[in-house]
N, C-alpha and C. Protein backbone atom coordinates (compact mmCIF):
# COMPACT_ATOMS: atom_id res chain seq x y z
N MET A 1 -17.46 30.61 79.18
CA MET A 1 -18.06 31.01 80.44
C MET A 1 -16.98 31.66 81.30
N ALA A 2 -17.30 32.77 81.94
CA ALA A 2 -16.35 33.46 82.81
C ALA A 2 -15.91 32.54 83.95
N ALA A 3 -14.69 32.76 84.40
CA ALA A 3 -14.16 32.02 85.55
C ALA A 3 -13.57 33.02 86.52
N TYR A 4 -13.57 32.64 87.77
CA TYR A 4 -13.11 33.52 88.84
C TYR A 4 -12.08 32.79 89.69
N ILE A 5 -11.02 33.49 90.04
CA ILE A 5 -10.11 33.01 91.07
C ILE A 5 -10.55 33.71 92.35
N VAL A 6 -10.88 32.92 93.37
CA VAL A 6 -11.31 33.44 94.66
C VAL A 6 -10.21 33.11 95.67
N ILE A 7 -9.72 34.13 96.36
CA ILE A 7 -8.58 33.98 97.26
C ILE A 7 -8.94 34.53 98.64
N ARG A 8 -8.75 33.69 99.66
CA ARG A 8 -8.92 34.10 101.06
C ARG A 8 -7.54 33.99 101.71
N THR A 9 -7.03 35.09 102.24
CA THR A 9 -5.65 35.15 102.71
C THR A 9 -5.56 35.53 104.18
N LYS A 10 -4.68 34.85 104.91
CA LYS A 10 -4.26 35.23 106.27
C LYS A 10 -2.82 35.70 106.14
N VAL A 11 -2.55 36.92 106.58
CA VAL A 11 -1.24 37.54 106.40
C VAL A 11 -0.41 37.42 107.66
N GLN A 12 0.82 36.90 107.50
CA GLN A 12 1.77 36.84 108.61
C GLN A 12 2.83 37.95 108.50
N ASP A 13 3.18 38.35 107.30
CA ASP A 13 4.19 39.38 107.06
C ASP A 13 3.60 40.43 106.11
N PRO A 14 3.06 41.53 106.66
CA PRO A 14 2.38 42.52 105.82
C PRO A 14 3.26 43.13 104.72
N GLU A 15 4.52 43.38 105.00
CA GLU A 15 5.40 43.97 103.98
C GLU A 15 5.62 43.02 102.80
N ALA A 16 5.90 41.76 103.10
CA ALA A 16 6.11 40.78 102.03
C ALA A 16 4.80 40.54 101.28
N HIS A 17 3.68 40.54 101.98
CA HIS A 17 2.39 40.36 101.31
C HIS A 17 2.13 41.54 100.37
N ALA A 18 2.43 42.75 100.82
CA ALA A 18 2.22 43.94 99.97
C ALA A 18 3.08 43.86 98.71
N ALA A 19 4.32 43.40 98.84
CA ALA A 19 5.19 43.26 97.68
C ALA A 19 4.63 42.21 96.72
N PHE A 20 4.12 41.09 97.26
CA PHE A 20 3.51 40.08 96.42
C PHE A 20 2.28 40.65 95.71
N ALA A 21 1.43 41.36 96.45
CA ALA A 21 0.21 41.91 95.86
C ALA A 21 0.53 42.88 94.73
N GLU A 22 1.58 43.67 94.89
CA GLU A 22 1.99 44.61 93.84
C GLU A 22 2.44 43.85 92.59
N ALA A 23 3.23 42.81 92.79
CA ALA A 23 3.70 42.00 91.65
C ALA A 23 2.53 41.29 90.98
N ALA A 24 1.63 40.72 91.77
CA ALA A 24 0.48 40.00 91.21
C ALA A 24 -0.44 40.96 90.45
N THR A 25 -0.60 42.17 90.95
CA THR A 25 -1.44 43.16 90.27
C THR A 25 -0.86 43.50 88.91
N ALA A 26 0.46 43.70 88.85
CA ALA A 26 1.11 44.01 87.56
C ALA A 26 0.93 42.86 86.58
N LEU A 27 1.04 41.63 87.07
CA LEU A 27 0.85 40.46 86.20
C LEU A 27 -0.60 40.35 85.73
N LEU A 28 -1.54 40.60 86.62
CA LEU A 28 -2.95 40.52 86.25
C LEU A 28 -3.29 41.55 85.18
N GLU A 29 -2.72 42.74 85.31
CA GLU A 29 -2.98 43.80 84.33
C GLU A 29 -2.48 43.43 82.94
N LYS A 30 -1.48 42.54 82.86
CA LYS A 30 -0.94 42.10 81.57
C LYS A 30 -1.65 40.86 81.04
N SER A 31 -2.53 40.28 81.84
CA SER A 31 -3.24 39.05 81.44
C SER A 31 -4.65 39.40 81.00
N ASP A 32 -5.47 38.38 80.83
CA ASP A 32 -6.86 38.59 80.47
C ASP A 32 -7.75 38.76 81.70
N GLY A 33 -7.15 39.00 82.87
CA GLY A 33 -7.92 39.07 84.11
C GLY A 33 -8.17 40.48 84.58
N GLU A 34 -9.11 40.58 85.52
CA GLU A 34 -9.41 41.86 86.16
C GLU A 34 -9.87 41.60 87.59
N PHE A 35 -9.64 42.58 88.45
CA PHE A 35 -10.13 42.46 89.82
C PHE A 35 -11.62 42.76 89.88
N VAL A 36 -12.34 41.94 90.60
CA VAL A 36 -13.75 42.18 90.90
C VAL A 36 -13.86 42.67 92.34
N VAL A 37 -13.06 42.06 93.22
CA VAL A 37 -13.05 42.42 94.64
C VAL A 37 -11.62 42.39 95.14
N ARG A 38 -11.25 43.41 95.92
CA ARG A 38 -10.02 43.43 96.72
C ARG A 38 -10.41 44.08 98.03
N ALA A 39 -10.52 43.28 99.08
CA ALA A 39 -11.06 43.80 100.33
C ALA A 39 -10.30 43.31 101.55
N ARG A 40 -10.15 44.17 102.51
CA ARG A 40 -9.59 43.81 103.81
C ARG A 40 -10.68 43.69 104.87
N GLU A 41 -11.86 44.11 104.53
CA GLU A 41 -12.99 44.03 105.45
C GLU A 41 -14.04 43.09 104.86
N CYS A 42 -14.56 42.19 105.69
CA CYS A 42 -15.63 41.33 105.23
C CYS A 42 -16.45 40.89 106.44
N ALA A 43 -17.65 40.46 106.19
CA ALA A 43 -18.52 39.92 107.23
C ALA A 43 -18.47 38.40 107.11
N THR A 44 -17.82 37.75 108.05
CA THR A 44 -17.70 36.30 108.01
C THR A 44 -18.95 35.66 108.60
N LEU A 45 -19.59 34.84 107.83
CA LEU A 45 -20.80 34.14 108.28
C LEU A 45 -20.47 32.76 108.82
N GLU A 46 -19.45 32.12 108.27
CA GLU A 46 -19.00 30.81 108.73
C GLU A 46 -17.51 30.72 108.50
N GLY A 47 -16.81 29.99 109.35
CA GLY A 47 -15.38 29.78 109.17
C GLY A 47 -14.55 30.91 109.72
N GLU A 48 -13.25 30.84 109.44
CA GLU A 48 -12.28 31.80 109.93
C GLU A 48 -12.29 33.06 109.07
N THR A 49 -12.19 34.21 109.70
CA THR A 49 -12.18 35.48 108.98
C THR A 49 -10.82 35.69 108.33
N PRO A 50 -10.78 35.90 107.02
CA PRO A 50 -9.51 36.17 106.34
C PRO A 50 -9.08 37.63 106.56
N ASP A 51 -7.80 37.89 106.34
CA ASP A 51 -7.31 39.27 106.37
C ASP A 51 -7.58 39.99 105.06
N VAL A 52 -7.58 39.22 103.98
CA VAL A 52 -7.78 39.78 102.64
C VAL A 52 -8.63 38.81 101.83
N VAL A 53 -9.58 39.36 101.06
CA VAL A 53 -10.38 38.57 100.11
C VAL A 53 -10.20 39.21 98.74
N VAL A 54 -9.87 38.37 97.75
CA VAL A 54 -9.68 38.85 96.38
C VAL A 54 -10.49 37.96 95.45
N VAL A 55 -11.17 38.59 94.49
CA VAL A 55 -11.84 37.86 93.42
C VAL A 55 -11.36 38.46 92.10
N GLN A 56 -10.85 37.60 91.24
CA GLN A 56 -10.36 38.00 89.92
C GLN A 56 -11.22 37.32 88.87
N ARG A 57 -11.60 38.06 87.82
CA ARG A 57 -12.42 37.50 86.74
C ARG A 57 -11.56 37.29 85.49
N PHE A 58 -11.80 36.16 84.82
CA PHE A 58 -11.12 35.80 83.58
C PHE A 58 -12.15 35.36 82.56
N PRO A 59 -11.81 35.37 81.28
CA PRO A 59 -12.77 34.96 80.26
C PRO A 59 -13.22 33.50 80.42
N ASP A 60 -12.32 32.65 80.92
CA ASP A 60 -12.65 31.23 81.07
C ASP A 60 -11.68 30.59 82.06
N ALA A 61 -11.94 29.34 82.42
CA ALA A 61 -11.13 28.64 83.41
C ALA A 61 -9.69 28.44 82.93
N ALA A 62 -9.51 28.22 81.63
CA ALA A 62 -8.16 28.03 81.10
C ALA A 62 -7.32 29.29 81.28
N SER A 63 -7.92 30.45 81.08
CA SER A 63 -7.21 31.73 81.28
C SER A 63 -6.85 31.93 82.74
N ALA A 64 -7.76 31.58 83.63
CA ALA A 64 -7.49 31.71 85.07
C ALA A 64 -6.35 30.78 85.47
N GLN A 65 -6.39 29.55 84.99
CA GLN A 65 -5.33 28.59 85.32
C GLN A 65 -4.00 29.05 84.75
N ALA A 66 -4.01 29.58 83.53
CA ALA A 66 -2.78 30.06 82.90
C ALA A 66 -2.17 31.21 83.70
N PHE A 67 -2.99 32.11 84.20
CA PHE A 67 -2.48 33.20 85.05
C PHE A 67 -1.85 32.63 86.30
N TYR A 68 -2.56 31.72 86.98
CA TYR A 68 -2.04 31.15 88.22
C TYR A 68 -0.73 30.41 87.99
N ASP A 69 -0.64 29.66 86.90
CA ASP A 69 0.54 28.85 86.60
C ASP A 69 1.68 29.63 85.96
N SER A 70 1.44 30.88 85.58
CA SER A 70 2.46 31.64 84.85
C SER A 70 3.75 31.74 85.66
N PRO A 71 4.89 31.74 84.96
CA PRO A 71 6.18 31.83 85.66
C PRO A 71 6.27 33.05 86.58
N GLY A 72 5.78 34.19 86.12
CA GLY A 72 5.84 35.40 86.96
C GLY A 72 5.06 35.26 88.25
N HIS A 73 3.86 34.69 88.16
CA HIS A 73 3.04 34.50 89.35
C HIS A 73 3.69 33.50 90.29
N GLN A 74 4.19 32.42 89.74
CA GLN A 74 4.84 31.41 90.57
C GLN A 74 6.12 31.95 91.23
N GLN A 75 6.87 32.80 90.53
CA GLN A 75 8.05 33.43 91.11
C GLN A 75 7.66 34.38 92.25
N ALA A 76 6.58 35.14 92.05
CA ALA A 76 6.12 36.06 93.10
C ALA A 76 5.67 35.28 94.33
N LEU A 77 4.98 34.16 94.13
CA LEU A 77 4.58 33.31 95.25
C LEU A 77 5.79 32.76 95.99
N ALA A 78 6.79 32.28 95.24
CA ALA A 78 7.99 31.73 95.87
C ALA A 78 8.74 32.79 96.66
N ALA A 79 8.80 34.01 96.13
CA ALA A 79 9.50 35.10 96.82
C ALA A 79 8.82 35.48 98.13
N ALA A 80 7.52 35.24 98.21
CA ALA A 80 6.75 35.61 99.40
C ALA A 80 6.47 34.42 100.31
N ALA A 81 7.17 33.32 100.10
CA ALA A 81 6.93 32.10 100.90
C ALA A 81 7.00 32.42 102.39
N GLY A 82 5.98 31.96 103.11
CA GLY A 82 5.91 32.17 104.55
C GLY A 82 5.28 33.48 104.98
N ALA A 83 5.01 34.36 104.03
CA ALA A 83 4.44 35.67 104.36
C ALA A 83 2.92 35.61 104.58
N PHE A 84 2.28 34.58 104.01
CA PHE A 84 0.83 34.45 104.13
C PHE A 84 0.42 33.03 103.83
N THR A 85 -0.78 32.69 104.24
CA THR A 85 -1.40 31.42 103.86
C THR A 85 -2.68 31.78 103.12
N ARG A 86 -3.04 30.93 102.15
CA ARG A 86 -4.20 31.26 101.31
C ARG A 86 -5.01 30.02 101.01
N GLU A 87 -6.26 30.28 100.71
CA GLU A 87 -7.14 29.31 100.07
C GLU A 87 -7.45 29.91 98.72
N VAL A 88 -7.20 29.15 97.65
CA VAL A 88 -7.38 29.65 96.29
C VAL A 88 -8.19 28.64 95.50
N VAL A 89 -9.27 29.10 94.88
CA VAL A 89 -10.08 28.22 94.05
C VAL A 89 -10.40 28.94 92.74
N ILE A 90 -10.61 28.14 91.70
CA ILE A 90 -11.13 28.65 90.43
C ILE A 90 -12.56 28.14 90.30
N VAL A 91 -13.49 29.05 90.05
CA VAL A 91 -14.89 28.66 89.85
C VAL A 91 -15.40 29.29 88.57
N GLU A 92 -16.29 28.58 87.88
CA GLU A 92 -16.91 29.14 86.69
C GLU A 92 -18.28 29.69 87.06
N GLY A 93 -18.67 30.75 86.36
CA GLY A 93 -19.98 31.34 86.64
C GLY A 93 -20.29 32.44 85.66
N ALA A 94 -21.43 33.07 85.87
CA ALA A 94 -21.90 34.13 84.98
C ALA A 94 -21.03 35.36 85.07
């Protein structure tokens, strides 16, 4: 069953966030994942409005977790520490 990483981000340092996004995109392109949504505009119905919303699709939850846990992704996150805050979940679905 397909799995999705859903990310809601508040950006504090746009330059560092852009560098992280570039690194994460390169890593995603080398994995089994693909972008479904990359948006800076959204209609918030409840809760706080994020600066960026990203949805990535993977073949299954194990692939999504492996991408998130990969050394390259974790290094990119560490390099961008303090540049943004995020809510990140993995969900399974059609």
